[in-house]
Amino acid sequence: AANTFCKGQSGNPKAGKSAEWVKG
């Protein structure tokens, strides 16, 4: 979904990241 709808958008470093990445 991030690659399809959110390319070029910025502001949330956690968008499209895995749950493990977000937890860290």
PDBML (XML) file of the C-alpha atoms, coordinates in Angstrom:
<?xml version="1.0" encoding="UTF-8" ?>
<PDBx:datablock datablockName="MODEL"
   xmlns:PDBx="http://pdbml.pdb.org/schema/pdbx-v50.xsd"
   xmlns:xsi="http://www.w3.org/2001/XMLSchema-instance"
   xsi:schemaLocation="http://pdbml.pdb.org/schema/pdbx-v50.xsd pdbx-v50.xsd">
   <PDBx:atom_siteCategory>
      <PDBx:atom_site id="1">
         <PDBx:B_iso_or_equiv>0.00</PDBx:B_iso_or_equiv>
         <PDBx:Cartn_x>0.000</PDBx:Cartn_x>
         <PDBx:Cartn_y>0.000</PDBx:Cartn_y>
         <PDBx:Cartn_z>0.000</PDBx:Cartn_z>
         <PDBx:auth_asym_id>A</PDBx:auth_asym_id>
         <PDBx:auth_atom_id>CA</PDBx:auth_atom_id>
         <PDBx:auth_comp_id>ALA</PDBx:auth_comp_id>
         <PDBx:auth_seq_id>1</PDBx:auth_seq_id>
         <PDBx:group_PDB>ATOM</PDBx:group_PDB>
         <PDBx:label_alt_id xsi:nil="true" />
         <PDBx:label_asym_id>A</PDBx:label_asym_id>
         <PDBx:label_atom_id>CA</PDBx:label_atom_id>
         <PDBx:label_comp_id>ALA</PDBx:label_comp_id>
         <PDBx:label_entity_id>1</PDBx:label_entity_id>
         <PDBx:label_seq_id>1</PDBx:label_seq_id>
         <PDBx:occupancy>1.00</PDBx:occupancy>
         <PDBx:pdbx_PDB_model_num>1</PDBx:pdbx_PDB_model_num>
         <PDBx:type_symbol>C</PDBx:type_symbol>
      </PDBx:atom_site>
      <PDBx:atom_site id="2">
         <PDBx:B_iso_or_equiv>0.00</PDBx:B_iso_or_equiv>
         <PDBx:Cartn_x>2.840</PDBx:Cartn_x>
         <PDBx:Cartn_y>2.411</PDBx:Cartn_y>
         <PDBx:Cartn_z>0.803</PDBx:Cartn_z>
         <PDBx:auth_asym_id>A</PDBx:auth_asym_id>
         <PDBx:auth_atom_id>CA</PDBx:auth_atom_id>
         <PDBx:auth_comp_id>ALA</PDBx:auth_comp_id>
         <PDBx:auth_seq_id>2</PDBx:auth_seq_id>
         <PDBx:group_PDB>ATOM</PDBx:group_PDB>
         <PDBx:label_alt_id xsi:nil="true" />
         <PDBx:label_asym_id>A</PDBx:label_asym_id>
         <PDBx:label_atom_id>CA</PDBx:label_atom_id>
         <PDBx:label_comp_id>ALA</PDBx:label_comp_id>
         <PDBx:label_entity_id>1</PDBx:label_entity_id>
         <PDBx:label_seq_id>2</PDBx:label_seq_id>
         <PDBx:occupancy>1.00</PDBx:occupancy>
         <PDBx:pdbx_PDB_model_num>1</PDBx:pdbx_PDB_model_num>
         <PDBx:type_symbol>C</PDBx:type_symbol>
      </PDBx:atom_site>
      <PDBx:atom_site id="3">
         <PDBx:B_iso_or_equiv>0.00</PDBx:B_iso_or_equiv>
         <PDBx:Cartn_x>4.517</PDBx:Cartn_x>
         <PDBx:Cartn_y>1.753</PDBx:Cartn_y>
         <PDBx:Cartn_z>-2.540</PDBx:Cartn_z>
         <PDBx:auth_asym_id>A</PDBx:auth_asym_id>
         <PDBx:auth_atom_id>CA</PDBx:auth_atom_id>
         <PDBx:auth_comp_id>ASN</PDBx:auth_comp_id>
         <PDBx:auth_seq_id>3</PDBx:auth_seq_id>
         <PDBx:group_PDB>ATOM</PDBx:group_PDB>
         <PDBx:label_alt_id xsi:nil="true" />
         <PDBx:label_asym_id>A</PDBx:label_asym_id>
         <PDBx:label_atom_id>CA</PDBx:label_atom_id>
         <PDBx:label_comp_id>ASN</PDBx:label_comp_id>
         <PDBx:label_entity_id>1</PDBx:label_entity_id>
         <PDBx:label_seq_id>3</PDBx:label_seq_id>
         <PDBx:occupancy>1.00</PDBx:occupancy>
         <PDBx:pdbx_PDB_model_num>1</PDBx:pdbx_PDB_model_num>
         <PDBx:type_symbol>C</PDBx:type_symbol>
      </PDBx:atom_site>
      <PDBx:atom_site id="4">
         <PDBx:B_iso_or_equiv>0.00</PDBx:B_iso_or_equiv>
         <PDBx:Cartn_x>1.195</PDBx:Cartn_x>
         <PDBx:Cartn_y>2.100</PDBx:Cartn_y>
         <PDBx:Cartn_z>-4.374</PDBx:Cartn_z>
         <PDBx:auth_asym_id>A</PDBx:auth_asym_id>
         <PDBx:auth_atom_id>CA</PDBx:auth_atom_id>
         <PDBx:auth_comp_id>THR</PDBx:auth_comp_id>
         <PDBx:auth_seq_id>4</PDBx:auth_seq_id>
         <PDBx:group_PDB>ATOM</PDBx:group_PDB>
         <PDBx:label_alt_id xsi:nil="true" />
         <PDBx:label_asym_id>A</PDBx:label_asym_id>
         <PDBx:label_atom_id>CA</PDBx:label_atom_id>
         <PDBx:label_comp_id>THR</PDBx:label_comp_id>
         <PDBx:label_entity_id>1</PDBx:label_entity_id>
         <PDBx:label_seq_id>4</PDBx:label_seq_id>
         <PDBx:occupancy>1.00</PDBx:occupancy>
         <PDBx:pdbx_PDB_model_num>1</PDBx:pdbx_PDB_model_num>
         <PDBx:type_symbol>C</PDBx:type_symbol>
      </PDBx:atom_site>
      <PDBx:atom_site id="5">
         <PDBx:B_iso_or_equiv>0.00</PDBx:B_iso_or_equiv>
         <PDBx:Cartn_x>-0.415</PDBx:Cartn_x>
         <PDBx:Cartn_y>5.114</PDBx:Cartn_y>
         <PDBx:Cartn_z>-2.701</PDBx:Cartn_z>
         <PDBx:auth_asym_id>A</PDBx:auth_asym_id>
         <PDBx:auth_atom_id>CA</PDBx:auth_atom_id>
         <PDBx:auth_comp_id>PHE</PDBx:auth_comp_id>
         <PDBx:auth_seq_id>5</PDBx:auth_seq_id>
         <PDBx:group_PDB>ATOM</PDBx:group_PDB>
         <PDBx:label_alt_id xsi:nil="true" />
         <PDBx:label_asym_id>A</PDBx:label_asym_id>
         <PDBx:label_atom_id>CA</PDBx:label_atom_id>
         <PDBx:label_comp_id>PHE</PDBx:label_comp_id>
         <PDBx:label_entity_id>1</PDBx:label_entity_id>
         <PDBx:label_seq_id>5</PDBx:label_seq_id>
         <PDBx:occupancy>1.00</PDBx:occupancy>
         <PDBx:pdbx_PDB_model_num>1</PDBx:pdbx_PDB_model_num>
         <PDBx:type_symbol>C</PDBx:type_symbol>
      </PDBx:atom_site>
      <PDBx:atom_site id="6">
         <PDBx:B_iso_or_equiv>0.00</PDBx:B_iso_or_equiv>
         <PDBx:Cartn_x>2.231</PDBx:Cartn_x>
         <PDBx:Cartn_y>6.930</PDBx:Cartn_y>
         <PDBx:Cartn_z>-0.669</PDBx:Cartn_z>
         <PDBx:auth_asym_id>A</PDBx:auth_asym_id>
         <PDBx:auth_atom_id>CA</PDBx:auth_atom_id>
         <PDBx:auth_comp_id>CYS</PDBx:auth_comp_id>
         <PDBx:auth_seq_id>6</PDBx:auth_seq_id>
         <PDBx:group_PDB>ATOM</PDBx:group_PDB>
         <PDBx:label_alt_id xsi:nil="true" />
         <PDBx:label_asym_id>A</PDBx:label_asym_id>
         <PDBx:label_atom_id>CA</PDBx:label_atom_id>
         <PDBx:label_comp_id>CYS</PDBx:label_comp_id>
         <PDBx:label_entity_id>1</PDBx:label_entity_id>
         <PDBx:label_seq_id>6</PDBx:label_seq_id>
         <PDBx:occupancy>1.00</PDBx:occupancy>
         <PDBx:pdbx_PDB_model_num>1</PDBx:pdbx_PDB_model_num>
         <PDBx:type_symbol>C</PDBx:type_symbol>
      </PDBx:atom_site>
      <PDBx:atom_site id="7">
         <PDBx:B_iso_or_equiv>0.00</PDBx:B_iso_or_equiv>
         <PDBx:Cartn_x>5.206</PDBx:Cartn_x>
         <PDBx:Cartn_y>7.464</PDBx:Cartn_y>
         <PDBx:Cartn_z>-2.963</PDBx:Cartn_z>
         <PDBx:auth_asym_id>A</PDBx:auth_asym_id>
         <PDBx:auth_atom_id>CA</PDBx:auth_atom_id>
         <PDBx:auth_comp_id>LYS</PDBx:auth_comp_id>
         <PDBx:auth_seq_id>7</PDBx:auth_seq_id>
         <PDBx:group_PDB>ATOM</PDBx:group_PDB>
         <PDBx:label_alt_id xsi:nil="true" />
         <PDBx:label_asym_id>A</PDBx:label_asym_id>
         <PDBx:label_atom_id>CA</PDBx:label_atom_id>
         <PDBx:label_comp_id>LYS</PDBx:label_comp_id>
         <PDBx:label_entity_id>1</PDBx:label_entity_id>
         <PDBx:label_seq_id>7</PDBx:label_seq_id>
         <PDBx:occupancy>1.00</PDBx:occupancy>
         <PDBx:pdbx_PDB_model_num>1</PDBx:pdbx_PDB_model_num>
         <PDBx:type_symbol>C</PDBx:type_symbol>
      </PDBx:atom_site>
      <PDBx:atom_site id="8">
         <PDBx:B_iso_or_equiv>0.00</PDBx:B_iso_or_equiv>
         <PDBx:Cartn_x>6.473</PDBx:Cartn_x>
         <PDBx:Cartn_y>11.020</PDBx:Cartn_y>
         <PDBx:Cartn_z>-2.781</PDBx:Cartn_z>
         <PDBx:auth_asym_id>A</PDBx:auth_asym_id>
         <PDBx:auth_atom_id>CA</PDBx:auth_atom_id>
         <PDBx:auth_comp_id>GLY</PDBx:auth_comp_id>
         <PDBx:auth_seq_id>8</PDBx:auth_seq_id>
         <PDBx:group_PDB>ATOM</PDBx:group_PDB>
         <PDBx:label_alt_id xsi:nil="true" />
         <PDBx:label_asym_id>A</PDBx:label_asym_id>
         <PDBx:label_atom_id>CA</PDBx:label_atom_id>
         <PDBx:label_comp_id>GLY</PDBx:label_comp_id>
         <PDBx:label_entity_id>1</PDBx:label_entity_id>
         <PDBx:label_seq_id>8</PDBx:label_seq_id>
         <PDBx:occupancy>1.00</PDBx:occupancy>
         <PDBx:pdbx_PDB_model_num>1</PDBx:pdbx_PDB_model_num>
         <PDBx:type_symbol>C</PDBx:type_symbol>
      </PDBx:atom_site>
      <PDBx:atom_site id="9">
         <PDBx:B_iso_or_equiv>0.00</PDBx:B_iso_or_equiv>
         <PDBx:Cartn_x>4.819</PDBx:Cartn_x>
         <PDBx:Cartn_y>11.666</PDBx:Cartn_y>
         <PDBx:Cartn_z>0.571</PDBx:Cartn_z>
         <PDBx:auth_asym_id>A</PDBx:auth_asym_id>
         <PDBx:auth_atom_id>CA</PDBx:auth_atom_id>
         <PDBx:auth_comp_id>GLN</PDBx:auth_comp_id>
         <PDBx:auth_seq_id>9</PDBx:auth_seq_id>
         <PDBx:group_PDB>ATOM</PDBx:group_PDB>
         <PDBx:label_alt_id xsi:nil="true" />
         <PDBx:label_asym_id>A</PDBx:label_asym_id>
         <PDBx:label_atom_id>CA</PDBx:label_atom_id>
         <PDBx:label_comp_id>GLN</PDBx:label_comp_id>
         <PDBx:label_entity_id>1</PDBx:label_entity_id>
         <PDBx:label_seq_id>9</PDBx:label_seq_id>
         <PDBx:occupancy>1.00</PDBx:occupancy>
         <PDBx:pdbx_PDB_model_num>1</PDBx:pdbx_PDB_model_num>
         <PDBx:type_symbol>C</PDBx:type_symbol>
      </PDBx:atom_site>
      <PDBx:atom_site id="10">
         <PDBx:B_iso_or_equiv>0.00</PDBx:B_iso_or_equiv>
         <PDBx:Cartn_x>6.873</PDBx:Cartn_x>
         <PDBx:Cartn_y>12.335</PDBx:Cartn_y>
         <PDBx:Cartn_z>3.659</PDBx:Cartn_z>
         <PDBx:auth_asym_id>A</PDBx:auth_asym_id>
         <PDBx:auth_atom_id>CA</PDBx:auth_atom_id>
         <PDBx:auth_comp_id>SER</PDBx:auth_comp_id>
         <PDBx:auth_seq_id>10</PDBx:auth_seq_id>
         <PDBx:group_PDB>ATOM</PDBx:group_PDB>
         <PDBx:label_alt_id xsi:nil="true" />
         <PDBx:label_asym_id>A</PDBx:label_asym_id>
         <PDBx:label_atom_id>CA</PDBx:label_atom_id>
         <PDBx:label_comp_id>SER</PDBx:label_comp_id>
         <PDBx:label_entity_id>1</PDBx:label_entity_id>
         <PDBx:label_seq_id>10</PDBx:label_seq_id>
         <PDBx:occupancy>1.00</PDBx:occupancy>
         <PDBx:pdbx_PDB_model_num>1</PDBx:pdbx_PDB_model_num>
         <PDBx:type_symbol>C</PDBx:type_symbol>
      </PDBx:atom_site>
      <PDBx:atom_site id="11">
         <PDBx:B_iso_or_equiv>0.00</PDBx:B_iso_or_equiv>
         <PDBx:Cartn_x>6.344</PDBx:Cartn_x>
         <PDBx:Cartn_y>13.201</PDBx:Cartn_y>
         <PDBx:Cartn_z>7.289</PDBx:Cartn_z>
         <PDBx:auth_asym_id>A</PDBx:auth_asym_id>
         <PDBx:auth_atom_id>CA</PDBx:auth_atom_id>
         <PDBx:auth_comp_id>GLY</PDBx:auth_comp_id>
         <PDBx:auth_seq_id>11</PDBx:auth_seq_id>
         <PDBx:group_PDB>ATOM</PDBx:group_PDB>
         <PDBx:label_alt_id xsi:nil="true" />
         <PDBx:label_asym_id>A</PDBx:label_asym_id>
         <PDBx:label_atom_id>CA</PDBx:label_atom_id>
         <PDBx:label_comp_id>GLY</PDBx:label_comp_id>
         <PDBx:label_entity_id>1</PDBx:label_entity_id>
         <PDBx:label_seq_id>11</PDBx:label_seq_id>
         <PDBx:occupancy>1.00</PDBx:occupancy>
         <PDBx:pdbx_PDB_model_num>1</PDBx:pdbx_PDB_model_num>
         <PDBx:type_symbol>C</PDBx:type_symbol>
      </PDBx:atom_site>
      <PDBx:atom_site id="12">
         <PDBx:B_iso_or_equiv>0.00</PDBx:B_iso_or_equiv>
         <PDBx:Cartn_x>5.965</PDBx:Cartn_x>
         <PDBx:Cartn_y>9.797</PDBx:Cartn_y>
         <PDBx:Cartn_z>8.946</PDBx:Cartn_z>
         <PDBx:auth_asym_id>A</PDBx:auth_asym_id>
         <PDBx:auth_atom_id>CA</PDBx:auth_atom_id>
         <PDBx:auth_comp_id>ASN</PDBx:auth_comp_id>
         <PDBx:auth_seq_id>12</PDBx:auth_seq_id>
         <PDBx:group_PDB>ATOM</PDBx:group_PDB>
         <PDBx:label_alt_id xsi:nil="true" />
         <PDBx:label_asym_id>A</PDBx:label_asym_id>
         <PDBx:label_atom_id>CA</PDBx:label_atom_id>
         <PDBx:label_comp_id>ASN</PDBx:label_comp_id>
         <PDBx:label_entity_id>1</PDBx:label_entity_id>
         <PDBx:label_seq_id>12</PDBx:label_seq_id>
         <PDBx:occupancy>1.00</PDBx:occupancy>
         <PDBx:pdbx_PDB_model_num>1</PDBx:pdbx_PDB_model_num>
         <PDBx:type_symbol>C</PDBx:type_symbol>
      </PDBx:atom_site>
      <PDBx:atom_site id="13">
         <PDBx:B_iso_or_equiv>0.00</PDBx:B_iso_or_equiv>
         <PDBx:Cartn_x>9.156</PDBx:Cartn_x>
         <PDBx:Cartn_y>7.726</PDBx:Cartn_y>
         <PDBx:Cartn_z>9.158</PDBx:Cartn_z>
         <PDBx:auth_asym_id>A</PDBx:auth_asym_id>
         <PDBx:auth_atom_id>CA</PDBx:auth_atom_id>
         <PDBx:auth_comp_id>PRO</PDBx:auth_comp_id>
         <PDBx:auth_seq_id>13</PDBx:auth_seq_id>
         <PDBx:group_PDB>ATOM</PDBx:group_PDB>
         <PDBx:label_alt_id xsi:nil="true" />
         <PDBx:label_asym_id>A</PDBx:label_asym_id>
         <PDBx:label_atom_id>CA</PDBx:label_atom_id>
         <PDBx:label_comp_id>PRO</PDBx:label_comp_id>
         <PDBx:label_entity_id>1</PDBx:label_entity_id>
         <PDBx:label_seq_id>13</PDBx:label_seq_id>
         <PDBx:occupancy>1.00</PDBx:occupancy>
         <PDBx:pdbx_PDB_model_num>1</PDBx:pdbx_PDB_model_num>
         <PDBx:type_symbol>C</PDBx:type_symbol>
      </PDBx:atom_site>
      <PDBx:atom_site id="14">
         <PDBx:B_iso_or_equiv>0.00</PDBx:B_iso_or_equiv>
         <PDBx:Cartn_x>7.113</PDBx:Cartn_x>
         <PDBx:Cartn_y>4.697</PDBx:Cartn_y>
         <PDBx:Cartn_z>10.287</PDBx:Cartn_z>
         <PDBx:auth_asym_id>A</PDBx:auth_asym_id>
         <PDBx:auth_atom_id>CA</PDBx:auth_atom_id>
         <PDBx:auth_comp_id>LYS</PDBx:auth_comp_id>
         <PDBx:auth_seq_id>14</PDBx:auth_seq_id>
         <PDBx:group_PDB>ATOM</PDBx:group_PDB>
         <PDBx:label_alt_id xsi:nil="true" />
         <PDBx:label_asym_id>A</PDBx:label_asym_id>
         <PDBx:label_atom_id>CA</PDBx:label_atom_id>
         <PDBx:label_comp_id>LYS</PDBx:label_comp_id>
         <PDBx:label_entity_id>1</PDBx:label_entity_id>
         <PDBx:label_seq_id>14</PDBx:label_seq_id>
         <PDBx:occupancy>1.00</PDBx:occupancy>
         <PDBx:pdbx_PDB_model_num>1</PDBx:pdbx_PDB_model_num>
         <PDBx:type_symbol>C</PDBx:type_symbol>
      </PDBx:atom_site>
      <PDBx:atom_site id="15">
         <PDBx:B_iso_or_equiv>0.00</PDBx:B_iso_or_equiv>
         <PDBx:Cartn_x>4.824</PDBx:Cartn_x>
         <PDBx:Cartn_y>4.531</PDBx:Cartn_y>
         <PDBx:Cartn_z>7.246</PDBx:Cartn_z>
         <PDBx:auth_asym_id>A</PDBx:auth_asym_id>
         <PDBx:auth_atom_id>CA</PDBx:auth_atom_id>
         <PDBx:auth_comp_id>ALA</PDBx:auth_comp_id>
         <PDBx:auth_seq_id>15</PDBx:auth_seq_id>
         <PDBx:group_PDB>ATOM</PDBx:group_PDB>
         <PDBx:label_alt_id xsi:nil="true" />
         <PDBx:label_asym_id>A</PDBx:label_asym_id>
         <PDBx:label_atom_id>CA</PDBx:label_atom_id>
         <PDBx:label_comp_id>ALA</PDBx:label_comp_id>
         <PDBx:label_entity_id>1</PDBx:label_entity_id>
         <PDBx:label_seq_id>15</PDBx:label_seq_id>
         <PDBx:occupancy>1.00</PDBx:occupancy>
         <PDBx:pdbx_PDB_model_num>1</PDBx:pdbx_PDB_model_num>
         <PDBx:type_symbol>C</PDBx:type_symbol>
      </PDBx:atom_site>
      <PDBx:atom_site id="16">
         <PDBx:B_iso_or_equiv>0.00</PDBx:B_iso_or_equiv>
         <PDBx:Cartn_x>5.175</PDBx:Cartn_x>
         <PDBx:Cartn_y>1.204</PDBx:Cartn_y>
         <PDBx:Cartn_z>5.466</PDBx:Cartn_z>
         <PDBx:auth_asym_id>A</PDBx:auth_asym_id>
         <PDBx:auth_atom_id>CA</PDBx:auth_atom_id>
         <PDBx:auth_comp_id>GLY</PDBx:auth_comp_id>
         <PDBx:auth_seq_id>16</PDBx:auth_seq_id>
         <PDBx:group_PDB>ATOM</PDBx:group_PDB>
         <PDBx:label_alt_id xsi:nil="true" />
         <PDBx:label_asym_id>A</PDBx:label_asym_id>
         <PDBx:label_atom_id>CA</PDBx:label_atom_id>
         <PDBx:label_comp_id>GLY</PDBx:label_comp_id>
         <PDBx:label_entity_id>1</PDBx:label_entity_id>
         <PDBx:label_seq_id>16</PDBx:label_seq_id>
         <PDBx:occupancy>1.00</PDBx:occupancy>
         <PDBx:pdbx_PDB_model_num>1</PDBx:pdbx_PDB_model_num>
         <PDBx:type_symbol>C</PDBx:type_symbol>
      </PDBx:atom_site>
      <PDBx:atom_site id="17">
         <PDBx:B_iso_or_equiv>0.00</PDBx:B_iso_or_equiv>
         <PDBx:Cartn_x>7.675</PDBx:Cartn_x>
         <PDBx:Cartn_y>-0.159</PDBx:Cartn_y>
         <PDBx:Cartn_z>7.997</PDBx:Cartn_z>
         <PDBx:auth_asym_id>A</PDBx:auth_asym_id>
         <PDBx:auth_atom_id>CA</PDBx:auth_atom_id>
         <PDBx:auth_comp_id>LYS</PDBx:auth_comp_id>
         <PDBx:auth_seq_id>17</PDBx:auth_seq_id>
         <PDBx:group_PDB>ATOM</PDBx:group_PDB>
         <PDBx:label_alt_id xsi:nil="true" />
         <PDBx:label_asym_id>A</PDBx:label_asym_id>
         <PDBx:label_atom_id>CA</PDBx:label_atom_id>
         <PDBx:label_comp_id>LYS</PDBx:label_comp_id>
         <PDBx:label_entity_id>1</PDBx:label_entity_id>
         <PDBx:label_seq_id>17</PDBx:label_seq_id>
         <PDBx:occupancy>1.00</PDBx:occupancy>
         <PDBx:pdbx_PDB_model_num>1</PDBx:pdbx_PDB_model_num>
         <PDBx:type_symbol>C</PDBx:type_symbol>
      </PDBx:atom_site>
      <PDBx:atom_site id="18">
         <PDBx:B_iso_or_equiv>0.00</PDBx:B_iso_or_equiv>
         <PDBx:Cartn_x>7.385</PDBx:Cartn_x>
         <PDBx:Cartn_y>-3.569</PDBx:Cartn_y>
         <PDBx:Cartn_z>9.626</PDBx:Cartn_z>
         <PDBx:auth_asym_id>A</PDBx:auth_asym_id>
         <PDBx:auth_atom_id>CA</PDBx:auth_atom_id>
         <PDBx:auth_comp_id>SER</PDBx:auth_comp_id>
         <PDBx:auth_seq_id>18</PDBx:auth_seq_id>
         <PDBx:group_PDB>ATOM</PDBx:group_PDB>
         <PDBx:label_alt_id xsi:nil="true" />
         <PDBx:label_asym_id>A</PDBx:label_asym_id>
         <PDBx:label_atom_id>CA</PDBx:label_atom_id>
         <PDBx:label_comp_id>SER</PDBx:label_comp_id>
         <PDBx:label_entity_id>1</PDBx:label_entity_id>
         <PDBx:label_seq_id>18</PDBx:label_seq_id>
         <PDBx:occupancy>1.00</PDBx:occupancy>
         <PDBx:pdbx_PDB_model_num>1</PDBx:pdbx_PDB_model_num>
         <PDBx:type_symbol>C</PDBx:type_symbol>
      </PDBx:atom_site>
      <PDBx:atom_site id="19">
         <PDBx:B_iso_or_equiv>0.00</PDBx:B_iso_or_equiv>
         <PDBx:Cartn_x>5.931</PDBx:Cartn_x>
         <PDBx:Cartn_y>-3.945</PDBx:Cartn_y>
         <PDBx:Cartn_z>13.105</PDBx:Cartn_z>
         <PDBx:auth_asym_id>A</PDBx:auth_asym_id>
         <PDBx:auth_atom_id>CA</PDBx:auth_atom_id>
         <PDBx:auth_comp_id>ALA</PDBx:auth_comp_id>
         <PDBx:auth_seq_id>19</PDBx:auth_seq_id>
         <PDBx:group_PDB>ATOM</PDBx:group_PDB>
         <PDBx:label_alt_id xsi:nil="true" />
         <PDBx:label_asym_id>A</PDBx:label_asym_id>
         <PDBx:label_atom_id>CA</PDBx:label_atom_id>
         <PDBx:label_comp_id>ALA</PDBx:label_comp_id>
         <PDBx:label_entity_id>1</PDBx:label_entity_id>
         <PDBx:label_seq_id>19</PDBx:label_seq_id>
         <PDBx:occupancy>1.00</PDBx:occupancy>
         <PDBx:pdbx_PDB_model_num>1</PDBx:pdbx_PDB_model_num>
         <PDBx:type_symbol>C</PDBx:type_symbol>
      </PDBx:atom_site>
      <PDBx:atom_site id="20">
         <PDBx:B_iso_or_equiv>0.00</PDBx:B_iso_or_equiv>
         <PDBx:Cartn_x>9.346</PDBx:Cartn_x>
         <PDBx:Cartn_y>-4.919</PDBx:Cartn_y>
         <PDBx:Cartn_z>14.520</PDBx:Cartn_z>
         <PDBx:auth_asym_id>A</PDBx:auth_asym_id>
         <PDBx:auth_atom_id>CA</PDBx:auth_atom_id>
         <PDBx:auth_comp_id>GLU</PDBx:auth_comp_id>
         <PDBx:auth_seq_id>20</PDBx:auth_seq_id>
         <PDBx:group_PDB>ATOM</PDBx:group_PDB>
         <PDBx:label_alt_id xsi:nil="true" />
         <PDBx:label_asym_id>A</PDBx:label_asym_id>
         <PDBx:label_atom_id>CA</PDBx:label_atom_id>
         <PDBx:label_comp_id>GLU</PDBx:label_comp_id>
         <PDBx:label_entity_id>1</PDBx:label_entity_id>
         <PDBx:label_seq_id>20</PDBx:label_seq_id>
         <PDBx:occupancy>1.00</PDBx:occupancy>
         <PDBx:pdbx_PDB_model_num>1</PDBx:pdbx_PDB_model_num>
         <PDBx:type_symbol>C</PDBx:type_symbol>
      </PDBx:atom_site>
      <PDBx:atom_site id="21">
         <PDBx:B_iso_or_equiv>0.00</PDBx:B_iso_or_equiv>
         <PDBx:Cartn_x>10.899</PDBx:Cartn_x>
         <PDBx:Cartn_y>-1.760</PDBx:Cartn_y>
         <PDBx:Cartn_z>13.062</PDBx:Cartn_z>
         <PDBx:auth_asym_id>A</PDBx:auth_asym_id>
         <PDBx:auth_atom_id>CA</PDBx:auth_atom_id>
         <PDBx:auth_comp_id>TRP</PDBx:auth_comp_id>
         <PDBx:auth_seq_id>21</PDBx:auth_seq_id>
         <PDBx:group_PDB>ATOM</PDBx:group_PDB>
         <PDBx:label_alt_id xsi:nil="true" />
         <PDBx:label_asym_id>A</PDBx:label_asym_id>
         <PDBx:label_atom_id>CA</PDBx:label_atom_id>
         <PDBx:label_comp_id>TRP</PDBx:label_comp_id>
         <PDBx:label_entity_id>1</PDBx:label_entity_id>
         <PDBx:label_seq_id>21</PDBx:label_seq_id>
         <PDBx:occupancy>1.00</PDBx:occupancy>
         <PDBx:pdbx_PDB_model_num>1</PDBx:pdbx_PDB_model_num>
         <PDBx:type_symbol>C</PDBx:type_symbol>
      </PDBx:atom_site>
      <PDBx:atom_site id="22">
         <PDBx:B_iso_or_equiv>0.00</PDBx:B_iso_or_equiv>
         <PDBx:Cartn_x>8.122</PDBx:Cartn_x>
         <PDBx:Cartn_y>0.411</PDBx:Cartn_y>
         <PDBx:Cartn_z>14.513</PDBx:Cartn_z>
         <PDBx:auth_asym_id>A</PDBx:auth_asym_id>
         <PDBx:auth_atom_id>CA</PDBx:auth_atom_id>
         <PDBx:auth_comp_id>VAL</PDBx:auth_comp_id>
         <PDBx:auth_seq_id>22</PDBx:auth_seq_id>
         <PDBx:group_PDB>ATOM</PDBx:group_PDB>
         <PDBx:label_alt_id xsi:nil="true" />
         <PDBx:label_asym_id>A</PDBx:label_asym_id>
         <PDBx:label_atom_id>CA</PDBx:label_atom_id>
         <PDBx:label_comp_id>VAL</PDBx:label_comp_id>
         <PDBx:label_entity_id>1</PDBx:label_entity_id>
         <PDBx:label_seq_id>22</PDBx:label_seq_id>
         <PDBx:occupancy>1.00</PDBx:occupancy>
         <PDBx:pdbx_PDB_model_num>1</PDBx:pdbx_PDB_model_num>
         <PDBx:type_symbol>C</PDBx:type_symbol>
      </PDBx:atom_site>
      <PDBx:atom_site id="23">
         <PDBx:B_iso_or_equiv>0.00</PDBx:B_iso_or_equiv>
         <PDBx:Cartn_x>8.467</PDBx:Cartn_x>
         <PDBx:Cartn_y>-1.179</PDBx:Cartn_y>
         <PDBx:Cartn_z>17.966</PDBx:Cartn_z>
         <PDBx:auth_asym_id>A</PDBx:auth_asym_id>
         <PDBx:auth_atom_id>CA</PDBx:auth_atom_id>
         <PDBx:auth_comp_id>LYS</PDBx:auth_comp_id>
         <PDBx:auth_seq_id>23</PDBx:auth_seq_id>
         <PDBx:group_PDB>ATOM</PDBx:group_PDB>
         <PDBx:label_alt_id xsi:nil="true" />
         <PDBx:label_asym_id>A</PDBx:label_asym_id>
         <PDBx:label_atom_id>CA</PDBx:label_atom_id>
         <PDBx:label_comp_id>LYS</PDBx:label_comp_id>
         <PDBx:label_entity_id>1</PDBx:label_entity_id>
         <PDBx:label_seq_id>23</PDBx:label_seq_id>
         <PDBx:occupancy>1.00</PDBx:occupancy>
         <PDBx:pdbx_PDB_model_num>1</PDBx:pdbx_PDB_model_num>
         <PDBx:type_symbol>C</PDBx:type_symbol>
      </PDBx:atom_site>
      <PDBx:atom_site id="24">
         <PDBx:B_iso_or_equiv>0.00</PDBx:B_iso_or_equiv>
         <PDBx:Cartn_x>12.182</PDBx:Cartn_x>
         <PDBx:Cartn_y>-0.386</PDBx:Cartn_y>
         <PDBx:Cartn_z>18.040</PDBx:Cartn_z>
         <PDBx:auth_asym_id>A</PDBx:auth_asym_id>
         <PDBx:auth_atom_id>CA</PDBx:auth_atom_id>
         <PDBx:auth_comp_id>GLY</PDBx:auth_comp_id>
         <PDBx:auth_seq_id>24</PDBx:auth_seq_id>
         <PDBx:group_PDB>ATOM</PDBx:group_PDB>
         <PDBx:label_alt_id xsi:nil="true" />
         <PDBx:label_asym_id>A</PDBx:label_asym_id>
         <PDBx:label_atom_id>CA</PDBx:label_atom_id>
         <PDBx:label_comp_id>GLY</PDBx:label_comp_id>
         <PDBx:label_entity_id>1</PDBx:label_entity_id>
         <PDBx:label_seq_id>24</PDBx:label_seq_id>
         <PDBx:occupancy>1.00</PDBx:occupancy>
         <PDBx:pdbx_PDB_model_num>1</PDBx:pdbx_PDB_model_num>
         <PDBx:type_symbol>C</PDBx:type_symbol>
      </PDBx:atom_site>
   </PDBx:atom_siteCategory>
</PDBx:datablock>
